Amino acid sequence: MTEMITWIQTYDKEIFTGVFFGLQGMLLLLLLVNGHRIKKIRKRMNQIAKQTEEYLNRAQINKEKVSVMAAGTEPVQNNAGKDKPAKKTAEEDENGLITAVLTEIFP
């Protein structure tokens, strides 16, 4: 036991230097691992954003096609006698589409 204590007292600078560089190496390793994880998360986030944009574009095109077809099939006389329903704002439509996309991606 006393031999270990004397050995530690003799080589204390070398031991502490080794511990210091060992901890620095561990911190560098943790930094690299977390950087890789962030890169993967960013890639997945960009992929989800791209899918959402494509889905919204398709939904907007389909919505426009449906509204054009519906307007073309109804006679003008029927439209004149009806009370107009309250129209949704563009912001409400967009929020609805975004909610639908997110629930589809993240069930």
PDB file of N, CA and C in Angstrom:
ATOM      1  N   MET A   1       0.813  -1.177   0.000  1.00  0.00           N
ATOM      2  CA  MET A   1       0.000   0.000   0.000  1.00  0.00           C
ATOM      3  C   MET A   1       0.869   1.259   0.000  1.00  0.00           C
ATOM      4  N   THR A   2       1.879   1.236   0.842  1.00  0.00           N
ATOM      5  CA  THR A   2       2.772   2.395   0.901  1.00  0.00           C
ATOM      6  C   THR A   2       3.557   2.536  -0.405  1.00  0.00           C
ATOM      7  N   GLU A   3       3.822   1.416  -1.070  1.00  0.00           N
ATOM      8  CA  GLU A   3       4.533   1.473  -2.350  1.00  0.00           C
ATOM      9  C   GLU A   3       3.673   2.182  -3.402  1.00  0.00           C
ATOM     10  N   MET A   4       2.366   1.926  -3.380  1.00  0.00           N
ATOM     11  CA  MET A   4       1.464   2.580  -4.332  1.00  0.00           C
ATOM     12  C   MET A   4       1.410   4.086  -4.070  1.00  0.00           C
ATOM     13  N   ILE A   5       1.346   4.455  -2.796  1.00  0.00           N
ATOM     14  CA  ILE A   5       1.281   5.869  -2.441  1.00  0.00           C
ATOM     15  C   ILE A   5       2.567   6.577  -2.867  1.00  0.00           C
ATOM     16  N   THR A   6       3.700   5.964  -2.623  1.00  0.00           N
ATOM     17  CA  THR A   6       4.963   6.583  -3.017  1.00  0.00           C
ATOM     18  C   THR A   6       5.082   6.659  -4.545  1.00  0.00           C
ATOM     19  N   TRP A   7       4.571   5.627  -5.238  1.00  0.00           N
ATOM     20  CA  TRP A   7       4.604   5.635  -6.709  1.00  0.00           C
ATOM     21  C   TRP A   7       3.715   6.768  -7.243  1.00  0.00           C
ATOM     22  N   ILE A   8       2.527   6.945  -6.660  1.00  0.00           N
ATOM     23  CA  ILE A   8       1.616   8.024  -7.072  1.00  0.00           C
ATOM     24  C   ILE A   8       2.244   9.382  -6.772  1.00  0.00           C
ATOM     25  N   GLN A   9       2.872   9.513  -5.609  1.00  0.00           N
ATOM     26  CA  GLN A   9       3.513  10.785  -5.266  1.00  0.00           C
ATOM     27  C   GLN A   9       4.687  11.084  -6.194  1.00  0.00           C
ATOM     28  N   THR A  10       5.373  10.045  -6.626  1.00  0.00           N
ATOM     29  CA  THR A  10       6.532  10.231  -7.494  1.00  0.00           C
ATOM     30  C   THR A  10       6.085  10.651  -8.894  1.00  0.00           C
ATOM     31  N   TYR A  11       5.049   9.998  -9.419  1.00  0.00           N
ATOM     32  CA  TYR A  11       4.620  10.225 -10.800  1.00  0.00           C
ATOM     33  C   TYR A  11       3.290  10.986 -10.883  1.00  0.00           C
ATOM     34  N   ASP A  12       3.042  11.872  -9.949  1.00  0.00           N
ATOM     35  CA  ASP A  12       1.743  12.557  -9.916  1.00  0.00           C
ATOM     36  C   ASP A  12       1.518  13.439 -11.143  1.00  0.00           C
ATOM     37  N   LYS A  13       2.539  14.132 -11.625  1.00  0.00           N
ATOM     38  CA  LYS A  13       2.376  14.990 -12.797  1.00  0.00           C
ATOM     39  C   LYS A  13       2.043  14.155 -14.034  1.00  0.00           C
ATOM     40  N   GLU A  14       2.712  13.053 -14.216  1.00  0.00           N
ATOM     41  CA  GLU A  14       2.465  12.195 -15.369  1.00  0.00           C
ATOM     42  C   GLU A  14       1.059  11.578 -15.302  1.00  0.00           C
ATOM     43  N   ILE A  15       0.639  11.190 -14.106  1.00  0.00           N
ATOM     44  CA  ILE A  15      -0.693  10.595 -13.930  1.00  0.00           C
ATOM     45  C   ILE A  15      -1.774  11.634 -14.250  1.00  0.00           C
ATOM     46  N   PHE A  16      -1.650  12.830 -13.701  1.00  0.00           N
ATOM     47  CA  PHE A  16      -2.652  13.862 -13.939  1.00  0.00           C
ATOM     48  C   PHE A  16      -2.666  14.302 -15.406  1.00  0.00           C
ATOM     49  N   THR A  17      -1.505  14.337 -16.044  1.00  0.00           N
ATOM     50  CA  THR A  17      -1.449  14.676 -17.465  1.00  0.00           C
ATOM     51  C   THR A  17      -2.174  13.609 -18.287  1.00  0.00           C
ATOM     52  N   GLY A  18      -1.944  12.352 -17.963  1.00  0.00           N
ATOM     53  CA  GLY A  18      -2.624  11.255 -18.657  1.00  0.00           C
ATOM     54  C   GLY A  18      -4.141  11.304 -18.461  1.00  0.00           C
ATOM     55  N   VAL A  19      -4.567  11.575 -17.236  1.00  0.00           N
ATOM     56  CA  VAL A  19      -6.001  11.685 -16.955  1.00  0.00           C
ATOM     57  C   VAL A  19      -6.600  12.860 -17.725  1.00  0.00           C
ATOM     58  N   PHE A  20      -5.877  13.983 -17.746  1.00  0.00           N
ATOM     59  CA  PHE A  20      -6.360  15.164 -18.460  1.00  0.00           C
ATOM     60  C   PHE A  20      -6.572  14.861 -19.941  1.00  0.00           C
ATOM     61  N   PHE A  21      -5.569  14.273 -20.586  1.00  0.00           N
ATOM     62  CA  PHE A  21      -5.700  13.969 -22.009  1.00  0.00           C
ATOM     63  C   PHE A  21      -6.728  12.865 -22.259  1.00  0.00           C
ATOM     64  N   GLY A  22      -6.857  11.943 -21.343  1.00  0.00           N
ATOM     65  CA  GLY A  22      -7.889  10.915 -21.472  1.00  0.00           C
ATOM     66  C   GLY A  22      -9.292  11.517 -21.449  1.00  0.00           C
ATOM     67  N   LEU A  23      -9.519  12.456 -20.529  1.00  0.00           N
ATOM     68  CA  LEU A  23     -10.821  13.135 -20.467  1.00  0.00           C
ATOM     69  C   LEU A  23     -11.064  13.984 -21.709  1.00  0.00           C
ATOM     70  N   GLN A  24     -10.010  14.646 -22.196  1.00  0.00           N
ATOM     71  CA  GLN A  24     -10.157  15.424 -23.430  1.00  0.00           C
ATOM     72  C   GLN A  24     -10.543  14.525 -24.600  1.00  0.00           C
ATOM     73  N   GLY A  25      -9.955  13.346 -24.676  1.00  0.00           N
ATOM     74  CA  GLY A  25     -10.298  12.383 -25.725  1.00  0.00           C
ATOM     75  C   GLY A  25     -11.747  11.924 -25.627  1.00  0.00           C
ATOM     76  N   MET A  26     -12.207  11.676 -24.399  1.00  0.00           N
ATOM     77  CA  MET A  26     -13.600  11.262 -24.210  1.00  0.00           C
ATOM     78  C   MET A  26     -14.558  12.379 -24.627  1.00  0.00           C
ATOM     79  N   LEU A  27     -14.234  13.627 -24.279  1.00  0.00           N
ATOM     80  CA  LEU A  27     -15.076  14.751 -24.675  1.00  0.00           C
ATOM     81  C   LEU A  27     -15.110  14.908 -26.195  1.00  0.00           C
ATOM     82  N   LEU A  28     -13.972  14.717 -26.852  1.00  0.00           N
ATOM     83  CA  LEU A  28     -13.931  14.789 -28.310  1.00  0.00           C
ATOM     84  C   LEU A  28     -14.798  13.694 -28.926  1.00  0.00           C
ATOM     85  N   LEU A  29     -14.729  12.500 -28.377  1.00  0.00           N
ATOM     86  CA  LEU A  29     -15.545  11.393 -28.864  1.00  0.00           C
ATOM     87  C   LEU A  29     -17.041  11.697 -28.698  1.00  0.00           C
ATOM     88  N   LEU A  30     -17.424  12.229 -27.538  1.00  0.00           N
ATOM     89  CA  LEU A  30     -18.824  12.586 -27.313  1.00  0.00           C
ATOM     90  C   LEU A  30     -19.266  13.685 -28.282  1.00  0.00           C
ATOM     91  N   LEU A  31     -18.392  14.640 -28.551  1.00  0.00           N
ATOM     92  CA  LEU A  31     -18.703  15.709 -29.491  1.00  0.00           C
ATOM     93  C   LEU A  31     -18.941  15.149 -30.890  1.00  0.00           C
ATOM     94  N   LEU A  32     -18.110  14.239 -31.319  1.00  0.00           N
ATOM     95  CA  LEU A  32     -18.271  13.635 -32.645  1.00  0.00           C
ATOM     96  C   LEU A  32     -19.559  12.819 -32.738  1.00  0.00           C
ATOM     97  N   VAL A  33     -19.868  12.059 -31.696  1.00  0.00           N
ATOM     98  CA  VAL A  33     -21.088  11.245 -31.703  1.00  0.00           C
ATOM     99  C   VAL A  33     -22.322  12.142 -31.756  1.00  0.00           C
ATOM    100  N   ASN A  34     -22.357  13.183 -30.943  1.00  0.00           N
ATOM    101  CA  ASN A  34     -23.508  14.087 -30.939  1.00  0.00           C
ATOM    102  C   ASN A  34     -23.615  14.861 -32.254  1.00  0.00           C
ATOM    103  N   GLY A  35     -22.499  15.223 -32.838  1.00  0.00           N
ATOM    104  CA  GLY A  35     -22.522  15.884 -34.147  1.00  0.00           C
ATOM    105  C   GLY A  35     -23.117  14.979 -35.209  1.00  0.00           C
ATOM    106  N   HIS A  36     -22.771  13.704 -35.171  1.00  0.00           N
ATOM    107  CA  HIS A  36     -23.338  12.740 -36.120  1.00  0.00           C
ATOM    108  C   HIS A  36     -24.839  12.598 -35.920  1.00  0.00           C
ATOM    109  N   ARG A  37     -25.277  12.546 -34.667  1.00  0.00           N
ATOM    110  CA  ARG A  37     -26.710  12.444 -34.380  1.00  0.00           C
ATOM    111  C   ARG A  37     -27.463  13.673 -34.880  1.00  0.00           C
ATOM    112  N   ILE A  38     -26.895  14.841 -34.665  1.00  0.00           N
ATOM    113  CA  ILE A  38     -27.539  16.076 -35.124  1.00  0.00           C
ATOM    114  C   ILE A  38     -27.641  16.083 -36.646  1.00  0.00           C
ATOM    115  N   LYS A  39     -26.602  15.597 -37.306  1.00  0.00           N
ATOM    116  CA  LYS A  39     -26.613  15.532 -38.766  1.00  0.00           C
ATOM    117  C   LYS A  39     -27.729  14.609 -39.260  1.00  0.00           C
ATOM    118  N   LYS A  40     -27.908  13.470 -38.600  1.00  0.00           N
ATOM    119  CA  LYS A  40     -28.976  12.543 -38.983  1.00  0.00           C
ATOM    120  C   LYS A  40     -30.350  13.157 -38.738  1.00  0.00           C
ATOM    121  N   ILE A  41     -30.501  13.849 -37.606  1.00  0.00           N
ATOM    122  CA  ILE A  41     -31.790  14.482 -37.288  1.00  0.00           C
ATOM    123  C   ILE A  41     -32.097  15.582 -38.300  1.00  0.00           C
ATOM    124  N   ARG A  42     -31.103  16.379 -38.663  1.00  0.00           N
ATOM    125  CA  ARG A  42     -31.305  17.453 -39.634  1.00  0.00           C
ATOM    126  C   ARG A  42     -31.706  16.872 -40.996  1.00  0.00           C
ATOM    127  N   LYS A  43     -31.066  15.769 -41.387  1.00  0.00           N
ATOM    128  CA  LYS A  43     -31.397  15.127 -42.656  1.00  0.00           C
ATOM    129  C   LYS A  43     -32.835  14.631 -42.644  1.00  0.00           C
ATOM    130  N   ARG A  44     -33.255  14.008 -41.549  1.00  0.00           N
ATOM    131  CA  ARG A  44     -34.628  13.506 -41.427  1.00  0.00           C
ATOM    132  C   ARG A  44     -35.623  14.673 -41.412  1.00  0.00           C
ATOM    133  N   MET A  45     -35.275  15.758 -40.745  1.00  0.00           N
ATOM    134  CA  MET A  45     -36.147  16.920 -40.679  1.00  0.00           C
ATOM    135  C   MET A  45     -36.341  17.532 -42.072  1.00  0.00           C
ATOM    136  N   ASN A  46     -35.270  17.629 -42.851  1.00  0.00           N
ATOM    137  CA  ASN A  46     -35.377  18.152 -44.210  1.00  0.00           C
ATOM    138  C   ASN A  46     -36.220  17.232 -45.086  1.00  0.00           C
ATOM    139  N   GLN A  47     -36.083  15.932 -44.879  1.00  0.00           N
ATOM    140  CA  GLN A  47     -36.868  14.965 -45.637  1.00  0.00           C
ATOM    141  C   GLN A  47     -38.357  15.124 -45.316  1.00  0.00           C
ATOM    142  N   ILE A  48     -38.698  15.290 -44.048  1.00  0.00           N
ATOM    143  CA  ILE A  48     -40.096  15.468 -43.648  1.00  0.00           C
ATOM    144  C   ILE A  48     -40.634  16.783 -44.211  1.00  0.00           C
ATOM    145  N   ALA A  49     -39.833  17.836 -44.186  1.00  0.00           N
ATOM    146  CA  ALA A  49     -40.274  19.125 -44.734  1.00  0.00           C
ATOM    147  C   ALA A  49     -40.539  19.006 -46.230  1.00  0.00           C
ATOM    148  N   LYS A  50     -39.692  18.282 -46.937  1.00  0.00           N
ATOM    149  CA  LYS A  50     -39.884  18.092 -48.370  1.00  0.00           C
ATOM    150  C   LYS A  50     -41.149  17.290 -48.645  1.00  0.00           C
ATOM    151  N   GLN A  51     -41.383  16.213 -47.878  1.00  0.00           N
ATOM    152  CA  GLN A  51     -42.597  15.421 -48.037  1.00  0.00           C
ATOM    153  C   GLN A  51     -43.834  16.260 -47.754  1.00  0.00           C
ATOM    154  N   THR A  52     -43.766  17.091 -46.734  1.00  0.00           N
ATOM    155  CA  THR A  52     -44.899  17.944 -46.386  1.00  0.00           C
ATOM    156  C   THR A  52     -45.187  18.930 -47.507  1.00  0.00           C
ATOM    157  N   GLU A  53     -44.152  19.526 -48.060  1.00  0.00           N
ATOM    158  CA  GLU A  53     -44.335  20.485 -49.148  1.00  0.00           C
ATOM    159  C   GLU A  53     -44.964  19.813 -50.363  1.00  0.00           C
ATOM    160  N   GLU A  54     -44.482  18.605 -50.715  1.00  0.00           N
ATOM    161  CA  GLU A  54     -45.052  17.882 -51.845  1.00  0.00           C
ATOM    162  C   GLU A  54     -46.519  17.529 -51.593  1.00  0.00           C
ATOM    163  N   TYR A  55     -46.824  17.092 -50.380  1.00  0.00           N
ATOM    164  CA  TYR A  55     -48.194  16.729 -50.043  1.00  0.00           C
ATOM    165  C   TYR A  55     -49.109  17.948 -50.115  1.00  0.00           C
ATOM    166  N   LEU A  56     -48.652  19.069 -49.587  1.00  0.00           N
ATOM    167  CA  LEU A  56     -49.460  20.287 -49.630  1.00  0.00           C
ATOM    168  C   LEU A  56     -49.695  20.751 -51.064  1.00  0.00           C
ATOM    169  N   ASN A  57     -48.668  20.650 -51.896  1.00  0.00           N
ATOM    170  CA  ASN A  57     -48.829  21.023 -53.300  1.00  0.00           C
ATOM    171  C   ASN A  57     -49.844  20.117 -53.993  1.00  0.00           C
ATOM    172  N   ARG A  58     -49.736  18.800 -53.753  1.00  0.00           N
ATOM    173  CA  ARG A  58     -50.709  17.866 -54.346  1.00  0.00           C
ATOM    174  C   ARG A  58     -52.111  18.145 -53.835  1.00  0.00           C
ATOM    175  N   ALA A  59     -52.251  18.394 -52.545  1.00  0.00           N
ATOM    176  CA  ALA A  59     -53.567  18.649 -51.969  1.00  0.00           C
ATOM    177  C   ALA A  59     -54.150  19.944 -52.527  1.00  0.00           C
ATOM    178  N   GLN A  60     -53.329  20.953 -52.706  1.00  0.00           N
ATOM    179  CA  GLN A  60     -53.805  22.223 -53.249  1.00  0.00           C
ATOM    180  C   GLN A  60     -54.263  22.041 -54.690  1.00  0.00           C
ATOM    181  N   ILE A  61     -53.504  21.283 -55.484  1.00  0.00           N
ATOM    182  CA  ILE A  61     -53.878  21.031 -56.880  1.00  0.00           C
ATOM    183  C   ILE A  61     -55.182  20.246 -56.939  1.00  0.00           C
ATOM    184  N   ASN A  62     -55.299  19.196 -56.105  1.00  0.00           N
ATOM    185  CA  ASN A  62     -56.523  18.399 -56.081  1.00  0.00           C
ATOM    186  C   ASN A  62     -57.714  19.243 -55.652  1.00  0.00           C
ATOM    187  N   LYS A  63     -57.509  20.122 -54.693  1.00  0.00           N
ATOM    188  CA  LYS A  63     -58.589  20.981 -54.202  1.00  0.00           C
ATOM    189  C   LYS A  63     -59.052  21.914 -55.313  1.00  0.00           C
ATOM    190  N   GLU A  64     -58.092  22.458 -56.065  1.00  0.00           N
ATOM    191  CA  GLU A  64     -58.449  23.347 -57.163  1.00  0.00           C
ATOM    192  C   GLU A  64     -59.206  22.589 -58.243  1.00  0.00           C
ATOM    193  N   LYS A  65     -58.802  21.356 -58.546  1.00  0.00           N
ATOM    194  CA  LYS A  65     -59.496  20.551 -59.553  1.00  0.00           C
ATOM    195  C   LYS A  65     -60.921  20.256 -59.112  1.00  0.00           C
ATOM    196  N   VAL A  66     -61.098  19.896 -57.856  1.00  0.00           N
ATOM    197  CA  VAL A  66     -62.430  19.589 -57.340  1.00  0.00           C
ATOM    198  C   VAL A  66     -63.315  20.823 -57.377  1.00  0.00           C
ATOM    199  N   SER A  67     -62.798  21.980 -57.004  1.00  0.00           N
ATOM    200  CA  SER A  67     -63.611  23.197 -57.003  1.00  0.00           C
ATOM    201  C   SER A  67     -63.977  23.603 -58.425  1.00  0.00           C
ATOM    202  N   VAL A  68     -63.076  23.407 -59.383  1.00  0.00           N
ATOM    203  CA  VAL A  68     -63.373  23.731 -60.778  1.00  0.00           C
ATOM    204  C   VAL A  68     -64.431  22.788 -61.315  1.00  0.00           C
ATOM    205  N   MET A  69     -64.311  21.505 -61.005  1.00  0.00           N
ATOM    206  CA  MET A  69     -65.295  20.535 -61.476  1.00  0.00           C
ATOM    207  C   MET A  69     -66.652  20.789 -60.831  1.00  0.00           C
ATOM    208  N   ALA A  70     -66.678  21.096 -59.548  1.00  0.00           N
ATOM    209  CA  ALA A  70     -67.936  21.350 -58.860  1.00  0.00           C
ATOM    210  C   ALA A  70     -68.597  22.611 -59.407  1.00  0.00           C
ATOM    211  N   ALA A  71     -67.833  23.619 -59.697  1.00  0.00           N
ATOM    212  CA  ALA A  71     -68.390  24.858 -60.234  1.00  0.00           C
ATOM    213  C   ALA A  71     -68.914  24.638 -61.647  1.00  0.00           C
ATOM    214  N   GLY A  72     -68.286  23.774 -62.404  1.00  0.00           N
ATOM    215  CA  GLY A  72     -68.714  23.520 -63.773  1.00  0.00           C
ATOM    216  C   GLY A  72     -69.957  22.655 -63.855  1.00  0.00           C
ATOM    217  N   THR A  73     -70.247  21.818 -62.887  1.00  0.00           N
ATOM    218  CA  THR A  73     -71.386  20.911 -62.952  1.00  0.00           C
ATOM    219  C   THR A  73     -72.658  21.506 -62.394  1.00  0.00           C
ATOM    220  N   GLU A  74     -72.605  22.507 -61.527  1.00  0.00           N
ATOM    221  CA  GLU A  74     -73.809  23.110 -60.959  1.00  0.00           C
ATOM    222  C   GLU A  74     -74.371  24.173 -61.885  1.00  0.00           C
ATOM    223  N   PRO A  75     -75.659  24.156 -62.117  1.00  0.00           N
ATOM    224  CA  PRO A  75     -76.259  25.226 -62.936  1.00  0.00           C
ATOM    225  C   PRO A  75     -76.217  26.554 -62.185  1.00  0.00           C
ATOM    226  N   VAL A  76     -76.262  27.630 -62.918  1.00  0.00           N
ATOM    227  CA  VAL A  76     -76.187  28.965 -62.338  1.00  0.00           C
ATOM    228  C   VAL A  76     -77.449  29.264 -61.531  1.00  0.00           C
ATOM    229  N   GLN A  77     -78.615  28.750 -61.938  1.00  0.00           N
ATOM    230  CA  GLN A  77     -79.874  29.033 -61.254  1.00  0.00           C
ATOM    231  C   GLN A  77     -79.862  28.502 -59.830  1.00  0.00           C
ATOM    232  N   ASN A  78     -79.266  27.355 -59.620  1.00  0.00           N
ATOM    233  CA  ASN A  78     -79.207  26.793 -58.271  1.00  0.00           C
ATOM    234  C   ASN A  78     -78.345  27.650 -57.343  1.00  0.00           C
ATOM    235  N   ASN A  79     -77.288  28.206 -57.859  1.00  0.00           N
ATOM    236  CA  ASN A  79     -76.406  29.037 -57.034  1.00  0.00           C
ATOM    237  C   ASN A  79     -77.085  30.338 -56.626  1.00  0.00           C
ATOM    238  N   ALA A  80     -77.949  30.882 -57.477  1.00  0.00           N
ATOM    239  CA  ALA A  80     -78.565  32.169 -57.193  1.00  0.00           C
ATOM    240  C   ALA A  80     -79.532  32.088 -56.033  1.00  0.00           C
ATOM    241  N   GLY A  81     -80.218  30.977 -55.834  1.00  0.00           N
ATOM    242  CA  GLY A  81     -81.216  30.860 -54.786  1.00  0.00           C
ATOM    243  C   GLY A  81     -80.657  30.468 -53.438  1.00  0.00           C
ATOM    244  N   LYS A  82     -79.457  29.979 -53.377  1.00  0.00           N
ATOM    245  CA  LYS A  82     -78.889  29.494 -52.110  1.00  0.00           C
ATOM    246  C   LYS A  82     -78.214  30.617 -51.354  1.00  0.00           C
ATOM    247  N   ASP A  83     -78.252  30.503 -50.026  1.00  0.00           N
ATOM    248  CA  ASP A  83     -77.437  31.396 -49.204  1.00  0.00           C
ATOM    249  C   ASP A  83     -76.013  30.882 -49.271  1.00  0.00           C
ATOM    250  N   LYS A  84     -75.075  31.772 -49.395  1.00  0.00           N
ATOM    251  CA  LYS A  84     -73.680  31.353 -49.488  1.00  0.00           C
ATOM    252  C   LYS A  84     -73.180  30.912 -48.117  1.00  0.00           C
ATOM    253  N   PRO A  85     -72.578  29.730 -48.033  1.00  0.00           N
ATOM    254  CA  PRO A  85     -72.024  29.294 -46.742  1.00  0.00           C
ATOM    255  C   PRO A  85     -70.787  30.125 -46.410  1.00  0.00           C
ATOM    256  N   ALA A  86     -70.486  30.173 -45.118  1.00  0.00           N
ATOM    257  CA  ALA A  86     -69.314  30.926 -44.671  1.00  0.00           C
ATOM    258  C   ALA A  86     -68.065  30.266 -45.243  1.00  0.00           C
ATOM    259  N   LYS A  87     -67.232  31.064 -45.914  1.00  0.00           N
ATOM    260  CA  LYS A  87     -66.021  30.522 -46.527  1.00  0.00           C
ATOM    261  C   LYS A  87     -64.904  30.453 -45.497  1.00  0.00           C
ATOM    262  N   LYS A  88     -64.117  29.407 -45.621  1.00  0.00           N
ATOM    263  CA  LYS A  88     -62.942  29.304 -44.762  1.00  0.00           C
ATOM    264  C   LYS A  88     -61.868  30.240 -45.300  1.00  0.00           C
ATOM    265  N   THR A  89     -61.108  30.756 -44.411  1.00  0.00           N
ATOM    266  CA  THR A  89     -59.997  31.599 -44.856  1.00  0.00           C
ATOM    267  C   THR A  89     -58.868  30.709 -45.340  1.00  0.00           C
ATOM    268  N   ALA A  90     -57.986  31.285 -46.098  1.00  0.00           N
ATOM    269  CA  ALA A  90     -56.848  30.529 -46.618  1.00  0.00           C
ATOM    270  C   ALA A  90     -55.978  30.010 -45.475  1.00  0.00           C
ATOM    271  N   GLU A  91     -55.886  30.774 -44.398  1.00  0.00           N
ATOM    272  CA  GLU A  91     -55.077  30.350 -43.253  1.00  0.00           C
ATOM    273  C   GLU A  91     -55.678  29.110 -42.589  1.00  0.00           C
ATOM    274  N   GLU A  92     -57.003  29.063 -42.475  1.00  0.00           N
ATOM    275  CA  GLU A  92     -57.647  27.887 -41.882  1.00  0.00           C
ATOM    276  C   GLU A  92     -57.438  26.660 -42.757  1.00  0.00           C
ATOM    277  N   ASP A  93     -57.529  26.834 -44.088  1.00  0.00           N
ATOM    278  CA  ASP A  93     -57.289  25.718 -45.000  1.00  0.00           C
ATOM    279  C   ASP A  93     -55.860  25.203 -44.859  1.00  0.00           C
ATOM    280  N   GLU A  94     -54.914  26.128 -44.803  1.00  0.00           N
ATOM    281  CA  GLU A  94     -53.507  25.735 -44.688  1.00  0.00           C
ATOM    282  C   GLU A  94     -53.252  25.013 -43.369  1.00  0.00           C
ATOM    283  N   ASN A  95     -53.835  25.523 -42.277  1.00  0.00           N
ATOM    284  CA  ASN A  95     -53.666  24.873 -40.980  1.00  0.00           C
ATOM    285  C   ASN A  95     -54.266  23.469 -40.992  1.00  0.00           C
ATOM    286  N   GLY A  96     -55.391  23.317 -41.649  1.00  0.00           N
ATOM    287  CA  GLY A  96     -56.010  21.997 -41.751  1.00  0.00           C
ATOM    288  C   GLY A  96     -55.136  21.032 -42.527  1.00  0.00           C
ATOM    289  N   LEU A  97     -54.546  21.510 -43.619  1.00  0.00           N
ATOM    290  CA  LEU A  97     -53.670  20.655 -44.415  1.00  0.00           C
ATOM    291  C   LEU A  97     -52.424  20.263 -43.634  1.00  0.00           C
ATOM    292  N   ILE A  98     -51.840  21.219 -42.938  1.00  0.00           N
ATOM    293  CA  ILE A  98     -50.635  20.935 -42.159  1.00  0.00           C
ATOM    294  C   ILE A  98     -50.944  19.924 -41.056  1.00  0.00           C
ATOM    295  N   THR A  99     -52.074  20.081 -40.406  1.00  0.00           N
ATOM    296  CA  THR A  99     -52.470  19.133 -39.365  1.00  0.00           C
ATOM    297  C   THR A  99     -52.657  17.742 -39.947  1.00  0.00           C
ATOM    298  N   ALA A 100     -53.288  17.659 -41.121  1.00  0.00           N
ATOM    299  CA  ALA A 100     -53.490  16.359 -41.760  1.00  0.00           C
ATOM    300  C   ALA A 100     -52.167  15.697 -42.114  1.00  0.00           C
ATOM    301  N   VAL A 101     -51.228  16.488 -42.621  1.00  0.00           N
ATOM    302  CA  VAL A 101     -49.919  15.931 -42.991  1.00  0.00           C
ATOM    303  C   VAL A 101     -49.179  15.432 -41.757  1.00  0.00           C
ATOM    304  N   LEU A 102     -49.175  16.229 -40.708  1.00  0.00           N
ATOM    305  CA  LEU A 102     -48.442  15.834 -39.495  1.00  0.00           C
ATOM    306  C   LEU A 102     -49.050  14.608 -38.842  1.00  0.00           C
ATOM    307  N   THR A 103     -50.382  14.500 -38.861  1.00  0.00           N
ATOM    308  CA  THR A 103     -50.994  13.293 -38.277  1.00  0.00           C
ATOM    309  C   THR A 103     -50.722  12.076 -39.147  1.00  0.00           C
ATOM    310  N   GLU A 104     -50.526  12.293 -40.456  1.00  0.00           N
ATOM    311  CA  GLU A 104     -50.189  11.175 -41.333  1.00  0.00           C
ATOM    312  C   GLU A 104     -48.757  10.708 -41.111  1.00  0.00           C
ATOM    313  N   ILE A 105     -47.847  11.661 -40.910  1.00  0.00           N
ATOM    314  CA  ILE A 105     -46.436  11.319 -40.716  1.00  0.00           C
ATOM    315  C   ILE A 105     -46.191  10.796 -39.310  1.00  0.00           C
ATOM    316  N   PHE A 106     -46.758  11.471 -38.313  1.00  0.00           N
ATOM    317  CA  PHE A 106     -46.574  11.087 -36.917  1.00  0.00           C
ATOM    318  C   PHE A 106     -47.914  10.609 -36.338  1.00  0.00           C
ATOM    319  N   PRO A 107     -48.230   9.327 -36.502  1.00  0.00           N
ATOM    320  CA  PRO A 107     -49.539   8.832 -36.004  1.00  0.00           C
ATOM    321  C   PRO A 107     -49.642   8.843 -34.502  1.00  0.00           C
TER     322      PRO A 107
END
